[in-house]
Amino acid sequence: MKIMHCPLNGPRNISEFSYGGELKAIPDASACSDEAWADYVFFSDNSAGVVTEWWYHTASGYWFLAERNTVTDEIVRTFDASERFPHPDYQDPALPARVNLLPEAISL
């Protein structure tokens, strides 16, 4: 039985997961050609070696990232997507506080 470590649920049987594809940059949908968009949606690099991929834990509905060696099928590590894509509302305590410039925050 192959085990994958889910960052949310811990070690689980690989049958509980679905592959979501390689992690790759999303082209600007409003500016890219149809060919570029089709390339993003339908094609992958299919590189030999360690690749970062999207995985989905079906039981909990949780998407995360995994680094997997495509030659040996070894899962090098798994991690929450926020490690690569921080939430825009997250404020690092080491940084100065953000200024809210939204109209509802301005009182006259």
PDB file of N, CA and C in Angstrom:
ATOM      1  N   MET A   1       0.852  -1.171   0.000  1.00  0.00           N
ATOM      2  CA  MET A   1       0.000   0.000   0.000  1.00  0.00           C
ATOM      3  C   MET A   1       0.899   1.236   0.000  1.00  0.00           C
ATOM      4  N   LYS A   2       0.610   2.189  -0.921  1.00  0.00           N
ATOM      5  CA  LYS A   2       1.370   3.427  -0.999  1.00  0.00           C
ATOM      6  C   LYS A   2       0.681   4.467  -0.126  1.00  0.00           C
ATOM      7  N   ILE A   3       1.481   5.170   0.654  1.00  0.00           N
ATOM      8  CA  ILE A   3       0.989   6.186   1.577  1.00  0.00           C
ATOM      9  C   ILE A   3       1.454   7.561   1.106  1.00  0.00           C
ATOM     10  N   MET A   4       0.545   8.526   1.143  1.00  0.00           N
ATOM     11  CA  MET A   4       0.894   9.920   0.861  1.00  0.00           C
ATOM     12  C   MET A   4       0.563  10.732   2.098  1.00  0.00           C
ATOM     13  N   HIS A   5       1.448  11.653   2.439  1.00  0.00           N
ATOM     14  CA  HIS A   5       1.207  12.524   3.591  1.00  0.00           C
ATOM     15  C   HIS A   5       0.373  13.712   3.140  1.00  0.00           C
ATOM     16  N   CYS A   6      -0.837  13.832   3.671  1.00  0.00           N
ATOM     17  CA  CYS A   6      -1.693  14.974   3.403  1.00  0.00           C
ATOM     18  C   CYS A   6      -1.344  16.045   4.443  1.00  0.00           C
ATOM     19  N   PRO A   7      -1.036  17.274   4.022  1.00  0.00           N
ATOM     20  CA  PRO A   7      -0.694  18.314   4.998  1.00  0.00           C
ATOM     21  C   PRO A   7      -1.818  18.613   5.985  1.00  0.00           C
ATOM     22  N   LEU A   8      -3.051  18.324   5.617  1.00  0.00           N
ATOM     23  CA  LEU A   8      -4.178  18.580   6.501  1.00  0.00           C
ATOM     24  C   LEU A   8      -4.538  17.369   7.352  1.00  0.00           C
ATOM     25  N   ASN A   9      -4.489  16.162   6.766  1.00  0.00           N
ATOM     26  CA  ASN A   9      -4.997  14.952   7.427  1.00  0.00           C
ATOM     27  C   ASN A   9      -3.949  13.926   7.810  1.00  0.00           C
ATOM     28  N   GLY A  10      -2.683  14.176   7.486  1.00  0.00           N
ATOM     29  CA  GLY A  10      -1.627  13.226   7.829  1.00  0.00           C
ATOM     30  C   GLY A  10      -1.506  12.112   6.809  1.00  0.00           C
ATOM     31  N   PRO A  11      -0.816  11.030   7.175  1.00  0.00           N
ATOM     32  CA  PRO A  11      -0.593   9.917   6.233  1.00  0.00           C
ATOM     33  C   PRO A  11      -1.900   9.216   5.862  1.00  0.00           C
ATOM     34  N   ARG A  12      -2.122   9.070   4.550  1.00  0.00           N
ATOM     35  CA  ARG A  12      -3.347   8.447   4.058  1.00  0.00           C
ATOM     36  C   ARG A  12      -3.009   7.518   2.899  1.00  0.00           C
ATOM     37  N   ASN A  13      -3.888   6.557   2.631  1.00  0.00           N
ATOM     38  CA  ASN A  13      -3.732   5.658   1.501  1.00  0.00           C
ATOM     39  C   ASN A  13      -3.817   6.474   0.210  1.00  0.00           C
ATOM     40  N   ILE A  14      -2.951   6.187  -0.750  1.00  0.00           N
ATOM     41  CA  ILE A  14      -2.886   6.942  -2.000  1.00  0.00           C
ATOM     42  C   ILE A  14      -4.213   6.906  -2.761  1.00  0.00           C
ATOM     43  N   SER A  15      -5.041   5.890  -2.504  1.00  0.00           N
ATOM     44  CA  SER A  15      -6.330   5.789  -3.202  1.00  0.00           C
ATOM     45  C   SER A  15      -7.284   6.916  -2.814  1.00  0.00           C
ATOM     46  N   GLU A  16      -6.994   7.651  -1.738  1.00  0.00           N
ATOM     47  CA  GLU A  16      -7.845   8.763  -1.308  1.00  0.00           C
ATOM     48  C   GLU A  16      -7.547  10.054  -2.065  1.00  0.00           C
ATOM     49  N   PHE A  17      -6.554  10.039  -2.959  1.00  0.00           N
ATOM     50  CA  PHE A  17      -6.107  11.252  -3.632  1.00  0.00           C
ATOM     51  C   PHE A  17      -6.348  11.193  -5.127  1.00  0.00           C
ATOM     52  N   SER A  18      -6.510  12.373  -5.718  1.00  0.00           N
ATOM     53  CA  SER A  18      -6.612  12.523  -7.167  1.00  0.00           C
ATOM     54  C   SER A  18      -5.536  13.491  -7.621  1.00  0.00           C
ATOM     55  N   TYR A  19      -4.898  13.156  -8.733  1.00  0.00           N
ATOM     56  CA  TYR A  19      -3.858  13.985  -9.323  1.00  0.00           C
ATOM     57  C   TYR A  19      -4.501  15.192  -9.991  1.00  0.00           C
ATOM     58  N   GLY A  20      -3.934  16.377  -9.774  1.00  0.00           N
ATOM     59  CA  GLY A  20      -4.507  17.595 -10.334  1.00  0.00           C
ATOM     60  C   GLY A  20      -3.681  18.262 -11.412  1.00  0.00           C
ATOM     61  N   GLY A  21      -2.535  17.689 -11.743  1.00  0.00           N
ATOM     62  CA  GLY A  21      -1.699  18.268 -12.802  1.00  0.00           C
ATOM     63  C   GLY A  21      -0.498  19.005 -12.260  1.00  0.00           C
ATOM     64  N   GLU A  22       0.409  19.324 -13.168  1.00  0.00           N
ATOM     65  CA  GLU A  22       1.623  20.056 -12.804  1.00  0.00           C
ATOM     66  C   GLU A  22       1.280  21.480 -12.387  1.00  0.00           C
ATOM     67  N   LEU A  23       2.061  22.003 -11.476  1.00  0.00           N
ATOM     68  CA  LEU A  23       1.956  23.408 -11.110  1.00  0.00           C
ATOM     69  C   LEU A  23       2.657  24.202 -12.204  1.00  0.00           C
ATOM     70  N   LYS A  24       1.940  25.127 -12.815  1.00  0.00           N
ATOM     71  CA  LYS A  24       2.540  25.958 -13.848  1.00  0.00           C
ATOM     72  C   LYS A  24       1.886  27.333 -13.828  1.00  0.00           C
ATOM     73  N   ALA A  25       2.584  28.302 -14.387  1.00  0.00           N
ATOM     74  CA  ALA A  25       2.094  29.679 -14.400  1.00  0.00           C
ATOM     75  C   ALA A  25       0.843  29.792 -15.262  1.00  0.00           C
ATOM     76  N   ILE A  26      -0.146  30.511 -14.770  1.00  0.00           N
ATOM     77  CA  ILE A  26      -1.388  30.727 -15.503  1.00  0.00           C
ATOM     78  C   ILE A  26      -1.195  31.938 -16.413  1.00  0.00           C
ATOM     79  N   PRO A  27      -1.455  31.768 -17.709  1.00  0.00           N
ATOM     80  CA  PRO A  27      -1.340  32.927 -18.595  1.00  0.00           C
ATOM     81  C   PRO A  27      -2.486  33.902 -18.353  1.00  0.00           C
ATOM     82  N   ASP A  28      -2.276  35.152 -18.707  1.00  0.00           N
ATOM     83  CA  ASP A  28      -3.320  36.168 -18.580  1.00  0.00           C
ATOM     84  C   ASP A  28      -4.419  35.840 -19.590  1.00  0.00           C
ATOM     85  N   ALA A  29      -5.558  35.394 -19.099  1.00  0.00           N
ATOM     86  CA  ALA A  29      -6.645  34.944 -19.970  1.00  0.00           C
ATOM     87  C   ALA A  29      -7.159  36.051 -20.883  1.00  0.00           C
ATOM     88  N   SER A  30      -7.050  37.302 -20.458  1.00  0.00           N
ATOM     89  CA  SER A  30      -7.563  38.397 -21.281  1.00  0.00           C
ATOM     90  C   SER A  30      -6.579  38.818 -22.375  1.00  0.00           C
ATOM     91  N   ALA A  31      -5.325  38.373 -22.272  1.00  0.00           N
ATOM     92  CA  ALA A  31      -4.320  38.821 -23.235  1.00  0.00           C
ATOM     93  C   ALA A  31      -3.667  37.693 -24.035  1.00  0.00           C
ATOM     94  N   CYS A  32      -3.884  36.450 -23.647  1.00  0.00           N
ATOM     95  CA  CYS A  32      -3.188  35.362 -24.351  1.00  0.00           C
ATOM     96  C   CYS A  32      -4.010  34.852 -25.537  1.00  0.00           C
ATOM     97  N   SER A  33      -3.327  34.208 -26.437  1.00  0.00           N
ATOM     98  CA  SER A  33      -3.990  33.643 -27.617  1.00  0.00           C
ATOM     99  C   SER A  33      -4.721  32.353 -27.231  1.00  0.00           C
ATOM    100  N   ASP A  34      -5.594  31.903 -28.119  1.00  0.00           N
ATOM    101  CA  ASP A  34      -6.293  30.634 -27.902  1.00  0.00           C
ATOM    102  C   ASP A  34      -5.297  29.482 -27.810  1.00  0.00           C
ATOM    103  N   GLU A  35      -4.243  29.550 -28.621  1.00  0.00           N
ATOM    104  CA  GLU A  35      -3.220  28.503 -28.618  1.00  0.00           C
ATOM    105  C   GLU A  35      -2.490  28.459 -27.277  1.00  0.00           C
ATOM    106  N   ALA A  36      -2.167  29.634 -26.741  1.00  0.00           N
ATOM    107  CA  ALA A  36      -1.476  29.687 -25.439  1.00  0.00           C
ATOM    108  C   ALA A  36      -2.376  29.159 -24.325  1.00  0.00           C
ATOM    109  N   TRP A  37      -3.669  29.487 -24.373  1.00  0.00           N
ATOM    110  CA  TRP A  37      -4.594  29.004 -23.350  1.00  0.00           C
ATOM    111  C   TRP A  37      -4.772  27.483 -23.464  1.00  0.00           C
ATOM    112  N   ALA A  38      -4.913  26.982 -24.685  1.00  0.00           N
ATOM    113  CA  ALA A  38      -5.046  25.536 -24.889  1.00  0.00           C
ATOM    114  C   ALA A  38      -3.788  24.813 -24.414  1.00  0.00           C
ATOM    115  N   ASP A  39      -2.627  25.398 -24.657  1.00  0.00           N
ATOM    116  CA  ASP A  39      -1.374  24.808 -24.195  1.00  0.00           C
ATOM    117  C   ASP A  39      -1.368  24.721 -22.672  1.00  0.00           C
ATOM    118  N   TYR A  40      -1.828  25.767 -21.994  1.00  0.00           N
ATOM    119  CA  TYR A  40      -1.886  25.763 -20.532  1.00  0.00           C
ATOM    120  C   TYR A  40      -2.845  24.687 -20.016  1.00  0.00           C
ATOM    121  N   VAL A  41      -4.017  24.593 -20.628  1.00  0.00           N
ATOM    122  CA  VAL A  41      -5.052  23.679 -20.145  1.00  0.00           C
ATOM    123  C   VAL A  41      -4.740  22.215 -20.452  1.00  0.00           C
ATOM    124  N   PHE A  42      -4.251  21.933 -21.656  1.00  0.00           N
ATOM    125  CA  PHE A  42      -4.169  20.552 -22.105  1.00  0.00           C
ATOM    126  C   PHE A  42      -2.781  19.918 -22.117  1.00  0.00           C
ATOM    127  N   PHE A  43      -1.730  20.703 -22.053  1.00  0.00           N
ATOM    128  CA  PHE A  43      -0.391  20.134 -22.169  1.00  0.00           C
ATOM    129  C   PHE A  43       0.421  20.335 -20.894  1.00  0.00           C
ATOM    130  N   SER A  44       1.332  19.410 -20.654  1.00  0.00           N
ATOM    131  CA  SER A  44       2.256  19.532 -19.523  1.00  0.00           C
ATOM    132  C   SER A  44       3.669  19.298 -20.029  1.00  0.00           C
ATOM    133  N   ASP A  45       4.642  19.720 -19.215  1.00  0.00           N
ATOM    134  CA  ASP A  45       6.034  19.554 -19.617  1.00  0.00           C
ATOM    135  C   ASP A  45       6.454  18.092 -19.602  1.00  0.00           C
ATOM    136  N   ASN A  46       5.847  17.304 -18.690  1.00  0.00           N
ATOM    137  CA  ASN A  46       6.173  15.888 -18.553  1.00  0.00           C
ATOM    138  C   ASN A  46       7.677  15.678 -18.338  1.00  0.00           C
ATOM    139  N   SER A  47       8.247  16.488 -17.445  1.00  0.00           N
ATOM    140  CA  SER A  47       9.683  16.450 -17.167  1.00  0.00           C
ATOM    141  C   SER A  47      10.064  15.233 -16.336  1.00  0.00           C
ATOM    142  N   ALA A  48      11.264  14.741 -16.579  1.00  0.00           N
ATOM    143  CA  ALA A  48      11.810  13.662 -15.746  1.00  0.00           C
ATOM    144  C   ALA A  48      12.518  14.311 -14.568  1.00  0.00           C
ATOM    145  N   GLY A  49      12.216  13.845 -13.371  1.00  0.00           N
ATOM    146  CA  GLY A  49      12.822  14.406 -12.169  1.00  0.00           C
ATOM    147  C   GLY A  49      11.755  14.921 -11.219  1.00  0.00           C
ATOM    148  N   VAL A  50      12.148  15.790 -10.304  1.00  0.00           N
ATOM    149  CA  VAL A  50      11.227  16.309  -9.287  1.00  0.00           C
ATOM    150  C   VAL A  50      10.365  17.410  -9.895  1.00  0.00           C
ATOM    151  N   VAL A  51       9.049  17.217  -9.795  1.00  0.00           N
ATOM    152  CA  VAL A  51       8.067  18.144 -10.344  1.00  0.00           C
ATOM    153  C   VAL A  51       7.079  18.504  -9.237  1.00  0.00           C
ATOM    154  N   THR A  52       6.652  19.766  -9.202  1.00  0.00           N
ATOM    155  CA  THR A  52       5.627  20.190  -8.247  1.00  0.00           C
ATOM    156  C   THR A  52       4.264  19.999  -8.901  1.00  0.00           C
ATOM    157  N   GLU A  53       3.353  19.329  -8.174  1.00  0.00           N
ATOM    158  CA  GLU A  53       2.054  18.953  -8.725  1.00  0.00           C
ATOM    159  C   GLU A  53       0.930  19.296  -7.750  1.00  0.00           C
ATOM    160  N   TRP A  54      -0.250  19.525  -8.307  1.00  0.00           N
ATOM    161  CA  TRP A  54      -1.457  19.676  -7.505  1.00  0.00           C
ATOM    162  C   TRP A  54      -2.018  18.288  -7.188  1.00  0.00           C
ATOM    163  N   TRP A  55      -2.444  18.100  -5.940  1.00  0.00           N
ATOM    164  CA  TRP A  55      -3.116  16.878  -5.521  1.00  0.00           C
ATOM    165  C   TRP A  55      -4.347  17.255  -4.710  1.00  0.00           C
ATOM    166  N   TYR A  56      -5.353  16.378  -4.757  1.00  0.00           N
ATOM    167  CA  TYR A  56      -6.632  16.617  -4.101  1.00  0.00           C
ATOM    168  C   TYR A  56      -6.961  15.446  -3.183  1.00  0.00           C
ATOM    169  N   HIS A  57      -7.199  15.747  -1.904  1.00  0.00           N
ATOM    170  CA  HIS A  57      -7.641  14.701  -0.973  1.00  0.00           C
ATOM    171  C   HIS A  57      -9.158  14.643  -1.065  1.00  0.00           C
ATOM    172  N   THR A  58      -9.663  13.579  -1.678  1.00  0.00           N
ATOM    173  CA  THR A  58     -11.077  13.452  -2.006  1.00  0.00           C
ATOM    174  C   THR A  58     -11.961  13.467  -0.764  1.00  0.00           C
ATOM    175  N   ALA A  59     -11.552  12.797   0.292  1.00  0.00           N
ATOM    176  CA  ALA A  59     -12.393  12.682   1.488  1.00  0.00           C
ATOM    177  C   ALA A  59     -12.635  14.024   2.165  1.00  0.00           C
ATOM    178  N   SER A  60     -11.647  14.904   2.151  1.00  0.00           N
ATOM    179  CA  SER A  60     -11.800  16.185   2.843  1.00  0.00           C
ATOM    180  C   SER A  60     -11.986  17.369   1.902  1.00  0.00           C
ATOM    181  N   GLY A  61     -11.798  17.160   0.595  1.00  0.00           N
ATOM    182  CA  GLY A  61     -11.942  18.260  -0.349  1.00  0.00           C
ATOM    183  C   GLY A  61     -10.798  19.257  -0.273  1.00  0.00           C
ATOM    184  N   TYR A  62      -9.621  18.777   0.045  1.00  0.00           N
ATOM    185  CA  TYR A  62      -8.458  19.637   0.294  1.00  0.00           C
ATOM    186  C   TYR A  62      -7.452  19.553  -0.851  1.00  0.00           C
ATOM    187  N   TRP A  63      -7.128  20.700  -1.462  1.00  0.00           N
ATOM    188  CA  TRP A  63      -6.105  20.787  -2.499  1.00  0.00           C
ATOM    189  C   TRP A  63      -4.783  21.157  -1.858  1.00  0.00           C
ATOM    190  N   PHE A  64      -3.707  20.538  -2.296  1.00  0.00           N
ATOM    191  CA  PHE A  64      -2.374  20.858  -1.791  1.00  0.00           C
ATOM    192  C   PHE A  64      -1.351  20.577  -2.879  1.00  0.00           C
ATOM    193  N   LEU A  65      -0.096  20.885  -2.596  1.00  0.00           N
ATOM    194  CA  LEU A  65       0.984  20.672  -3.546  1.00  0.00           C
ATOM    195  C   LEU A  65       1.899  19.561  -3.069  1.00  0.00           C
ATOM    196  N   ALA A  66       2.454  18.834  -4.025  1.00  0.00           N
ATOM    197  CA  ALA A  66       3.413  17.776  -3.719  1.00  0.00           C
ATOM    198  C   ALA A  66       4.578  17.876  -4.687  1.00  0.00           C
ATOM    199  N   GLU A  67       5.760  17.626  -4.181  1.00  0.00           N
ATOM    200  CA  GLU A  67       6.928  17.490  -5.038  1.00  0.00           C
ATOM    201  C   GLU A  67       7.155  16.002  -5.202  1.00  0.00           C
ATOM    202  N   ARG A  68       7.107  15.530  -6.473  1.00  0.00           N
ATOM    203  CA  ARG A  68       7.201  14.101  -6.751  1.00  0.00           C
ATOM    204  C   ARG A  68       8.248  13.865  -7.825  1.00  0.00           C
ATOM    205  N   ASN A  69       9.062  12.842  -7.606  1.00  0.00           N
ATOM    206  CA  ASN A  69      10.047  12.454  -8.611  1.00  0.00           C
ATOM    207  C   ASN A  69       9.327  11.595  -9.637  1.00  0.00           C
ATOM    208  N   THR A  70       9.233  12.092 -10.871  1.00  0.00           N
ATOM    209  CA  THR A  70       8.482  11.376 -11.904  1.00  0.00           C
ATOM    210  C   THR A  70       9.215  10.148 -12.427  1.00  0.00           C
ATOM    211  N   VAL A  71      10.495  10.036 -12.125  1.00  0.00           N
ATOM    212  CA  VAL A  71      11.264   8.863 -12.560  1.00  0.00           C
ATOM    213  C   VAL A  71      11.041   7.695 -11.598  1.00  0.00           C
ATOM    214  N   THR A  72      11.121   7.976 -10.300  1.00  0.00           N
ATOM    215  CA  THR A  72      11.004   6.924  -9.291  1.00  0.00           C
ATOM    216  C   THR A  72       9.610   6.845  -8.656  1.00  0.00           C
ATOM    217  N   ASP A  73       8.748   7.841  -8.921  1.00  0.00           N
ATOM    218  CA  ASP A  73       7.424   7.980  -8.318  1.00  0.00           C
ATOM    219  C   ASP A  73       7.504   8.220  -6.810  1.00  0.00           C
ATOM    220  N   GLU A  74       8.649   8.655  -6.327  1.00  0.00           N
ATOM    221  CA  GLU A  74       8.814   8.978  -4.907  1.00  0.00           C
ATOM    222  C   GLU A  74       8.213  10.347  -4.625  1.00  0.00           C
ATOM    223  N   ILE A  75       7.408  10.440  -3.565  1.00  0.00           N
ATOM    224  CA  ILE A  75       6.864  11.716  -3.131  1.00  0.00           C
ATOM    225  C   ILE A  75       7.896  12.332  -2.203  1.00  0.00           C
ATOM    226  N   VAL A  76       8.512  13.402  -2.653  1.00  0.00           N
ATOM    227  CA  VAL A  76       9.590  14.048  -1.905  1.00  0.00           C
ATOM    228  C   VAL A  76       9.032  14.792  -0.706  1.00  0.00           C
ATOM    229  N   ARG A  77       7.978  15.591  -0.942  1.00  0.00           N
ATOM    230  CA  ARG A  77       7.317  16.296   0.165  1.00  0.00           C
ATOM    231  C   ARG A  77       5.965  16.781  -0.294  1.00  0.00           C
ATOM    232  N   THR A  78       5.092  17.034   0.669  1.00  0.00           N
ATOM    233  CA  THR A  78       3.788  17.627   0.409  1.00  0.00           C
ATOM    234  C   THR A  78       3.675  18.871   1.274  1.00  0.00           C
ATOM    235  N   PHE A  79       2.934  19.862   0.780  1.00  0.00           N
ATOM    236  CA  PHE A  79       2.801  21.095   1.554  1.00  0.00           C
ATOM    237  C   PHE A  79       1.546  21.849   1.135  1.00  0.00           C
ATOM    238  N   ASP A  80       1.067  22.685   2.048  1.00  0.00           N
ATOM    239  CA  ASP A  80      -0.116  23.496   1.800  1.00  0.00           C
ATOM    240  C   ASP A  80       0.192  24.514   0.708  1.00  0.00           C
ATOM    241  N   ALA A  81      -0.777  24.790  -0.135  1.00  0.00           N
ATOM    242  CA  ALA A  81      -0.582  25.732  -1.240  1.00  0.00           C
ATOM    243  C   ALA A  81      -0.259  27.139  -0.752  1.00  0.00           C
ATOM    244  N   SER A  82      -0.628  27.474   0.479  1.00  0.00           N
ATOM    245  CA  SER A  82      -0.331  28.810   1.003  1.00  0.00           C
ATOM    246  C   SER A  82       1.171  29.039   1.158  1.00  0.00           C
ATOM    247  N   GLU A  83       1.937  27.960   1.172  1.00  0.00           N
ATOM    248  CA  GLU A  83       3.392  28.101   1.228  1.00  0.00           C
ATOM    249  C   GLU A  83       3.909  28.728  -0.073  1.00  0.00           C
ATOM    250  N   ARG A  84       3.254  28.429  -1.168  1.00  0.00           N
ATOM    251  CA  ARG A  84       3.648  28.972  -2.473  1.00  0.00           C
ATOM    252  C   ARG A  84       2.830  30.207  -2.834  1.00  0.00           C
ATOM    253  N   PHE A  85       1.565  30.231  -2.386  1.00  0.00           N
ATOM    254  CA  PHE A  85       0.639  31.320  -2.708  1.00  0.00           C
ATOM    255  C   PHE A  85       0.045  31.877  -1.422  1.00  0.00           C
ATOM    256  N   PRO A  86       0.728  32.813  -0.758  1.00  0.00           N
ATOM    257  CA  PRO A  86       0.197  33.340   0.507  1.00  0.00           C
ATOM    258  C   PRO A  86      -1.159  34.012   0.308  1.00  0.00           C
ATOM    259  N   HIS A  87      -2.014  33.881   1.285  1.00  0.00           N
ATOM    260  CA  HIS A  87      -3.333  34.508   1.243  1.00  0.00           C
ATOM    261  C   HIS A  87      -3.155  36.024   1.242  1.00  0.00           C
ATOM    262  N   PRO A  88      -3.887  36.757   0.393  1.00  0.00           N
ATOM    263  CA  PRO A  88      -3.691  38.206   0.309  1.00  0.00           C
ATOM    264  C   PRO A  88      -4.026  38.948   1.598  1.00  0.00           C
ATOM    265  N   ASP A  89      -4.838  38.363   2.478  1.00  0.00           N
ATOM    266  CA  ASP A  89      -5.183  39.023   3.736  1.00  0.00           C
ATOM    267  C   ASP A  89      -4.203  38.721   4.865  1.00  0.00           C
ATOM    268  N   TYR A  90      -3.243  37.811   4.604  1.00  0.00           N
ATOM    269  CA  TYR A  90      -2.279  37.464   5.646  1.00  0.00           C
ATOM    270  C   TYR A  90      -1.335  38.633   5.867  1.00  0.00           C
ATOM    271  N   GLN A  91      -1.117  38.984   7.108  1.00  0.00           N
ATOM    272  CA  GLN A  91      -0.189  40.059   7.448  1.00  0.00           C
ATOM    273  C   GLN A  91       0.945  39.489   8.283  1.00  0.00           C
ATOM    274  N   ASP A  92       2.137  39.517   7.730  1.00  0.00           N
ATOM    275  CA  ASP A  92       3.322  39.054   8.447  1.00  0.00           C
ATOM    276  C   ASP A  92       3.573  40.002   9.614  1.00  0.00           C
ATOM    277  N   PRO A  93       3.643  39.495  10.860  1.00  0.00           N
ATOM    278  CA  PRO A  93       3.837  40.370  12.015  1.00  0.00           C
ATOM    279  C   PRO A  93       5.158  41.138  11.964  1.00  0.00           C
ATOM    280  N   ALA A  94       6.120  40.659  11.186  1.00  0.00           N
ATOM    281  CA  ALA A  94       7.412  41.335  11.097  1.00  0.00           C
ATOM    282  C   ALA A  94       7.358  42.551  10.171  1.00  0.00           C
ATOM    283  N   LEU A  95       6.286  42.669   9.392  1.00  0.00           N
ATOM    284  CA  LEU A  95       6.171  43.787   8.453  1.00  0.00           C
ATOM    285  C   LEU A  95       5.235  44.853   9.013  1.00  0.00           C
ATOM    286  N   PRO A  96       5.384  46.116   8.559  1.00  0.00           N
ATOM    287  CA  PRO A  96       4.462  47.161   9.023  1.00  0.00           C
ATOM    288  C   PRO A  96       3.036  46.861   8.578  1.00  0.00           C
ATOM    289  N   ALA A  97       2.082  47.314   9.348  1.00  0.00           N
ATOM    290  CA  ALA A  97       0.675  47.076   9.028  1.00  0.00           C
ATOM    291  C   ALA A  97       0.306  47.748   7.716  1.00  0.00           C
ATOM    292  N   ARG A  98      -0.587  47.093   6.970  1.00  0.00           N
ATOM    293  CA  ARG A  98      -1.062  47.669   5.714  1.00  0.00           C
ATOM    294  C   ARG A  98      -2.039  48.800   5.992  1.00  0.00           C
ATOM    295  N   VAL A  99      -2.083  49.735   5.090  1.00  0.00           N
ATOM    296  CA  VAL A  99      -3.045  50.830   5.186  1.00  0.00           C
ATOM    297  C   VAL A  99      -4.238  50.465   4.320  1.00  0.00           C
ATOM    298  N   ASN A 100      -5.417  50.534   4.904  1.00  0.00           N
ATOM    299  CA  ASN A 100      -6.630  50.213   4.162  1.00  0.00           C
ATOM    300  C   ASN A 100      -7.112  51.469   3.440  1.00  0.00           C
ATOM    301  N   LEU A 101      -7.049  51.465   2.103  1.00  0.00           N
ATOM    302  CA  LEU A 101      -7.454  52.624   1.329  1.00  0.00           C
ATOM    303  C   LEU A 101      -8.789  52.418   0.629  1.00  0.00           C
ATOM    304  N   LEU A 102      -9.553  51.432   1.058  1.00  0.00           N
ATOM    305  CA  LEU A 102     -10.862  51.214   0.469  1.00  0.00           C
ATOM    306  C   LEU A 102     -11.790  52.357   0.881  1.00  0.00           C
ATOM    307  N   PRO A 103     -12.700  52.768   0.011  1.00  0.00           N
ATOM    308  CA  PRO A 103     -13.568  53.920   0.307  1.00  0.00           C
ATOM    309  C   PRO A 103     -14.333  53.790   1.619  1.00  0.00           C
ATOM    310  N   GLU A 104     -14.787  52.578   1.957  1.00  0.00           N
ATOM    311  CA  GLU A 104     -15.559  52.424   3.200  1.00  0.00           C
ATOM    312  C   GLU A 104     -14.689  52.611   4.454  1.00  0.00           C
ATOM    313  N   ALA A 105     -13.369  52.569   4.284  1.00  0.00           N
ATOM    314  CA  ALA A 105     -12.481  52.741   5.425  1.00  0.00           C
ATOM    315  C   ALA A 105     -12.134  54.206   5.666  1.00  0.00           C
ATOM    316  N   ILE A 106     -12.505  55.059   4.721  1.00  0.00           N
ATOM    317  CA  ILE A 106     -12.172  56.485   4.839  1.00  0.00           C
ATOM    318  C   ILE A 106     -13.380  57.208   5.420  1.00  0.00           C
ATOM    319  N   SER A 107     -13.169  57.863   6.551  1.00  0.00           N
ATOM    320  CA  SER A 107     -14.264  58.628   7.143  1.00  0.00           C
ATOM    321  C   SER A 107     -13.969  60.116   6.975  1.00  0.00           C
ATOM    322  N   LEU A 108     -14.970  60.848   6.613  1.00  0.00           N
ATOM    323  CA  LEU A 108     -14.811  62.297   6.378  1.00  0.00           C
ATOM    324  C   LEU A 108     -15.400  63.092   7.490  1.00  0.00           C
TER     325      LEU A 108
END
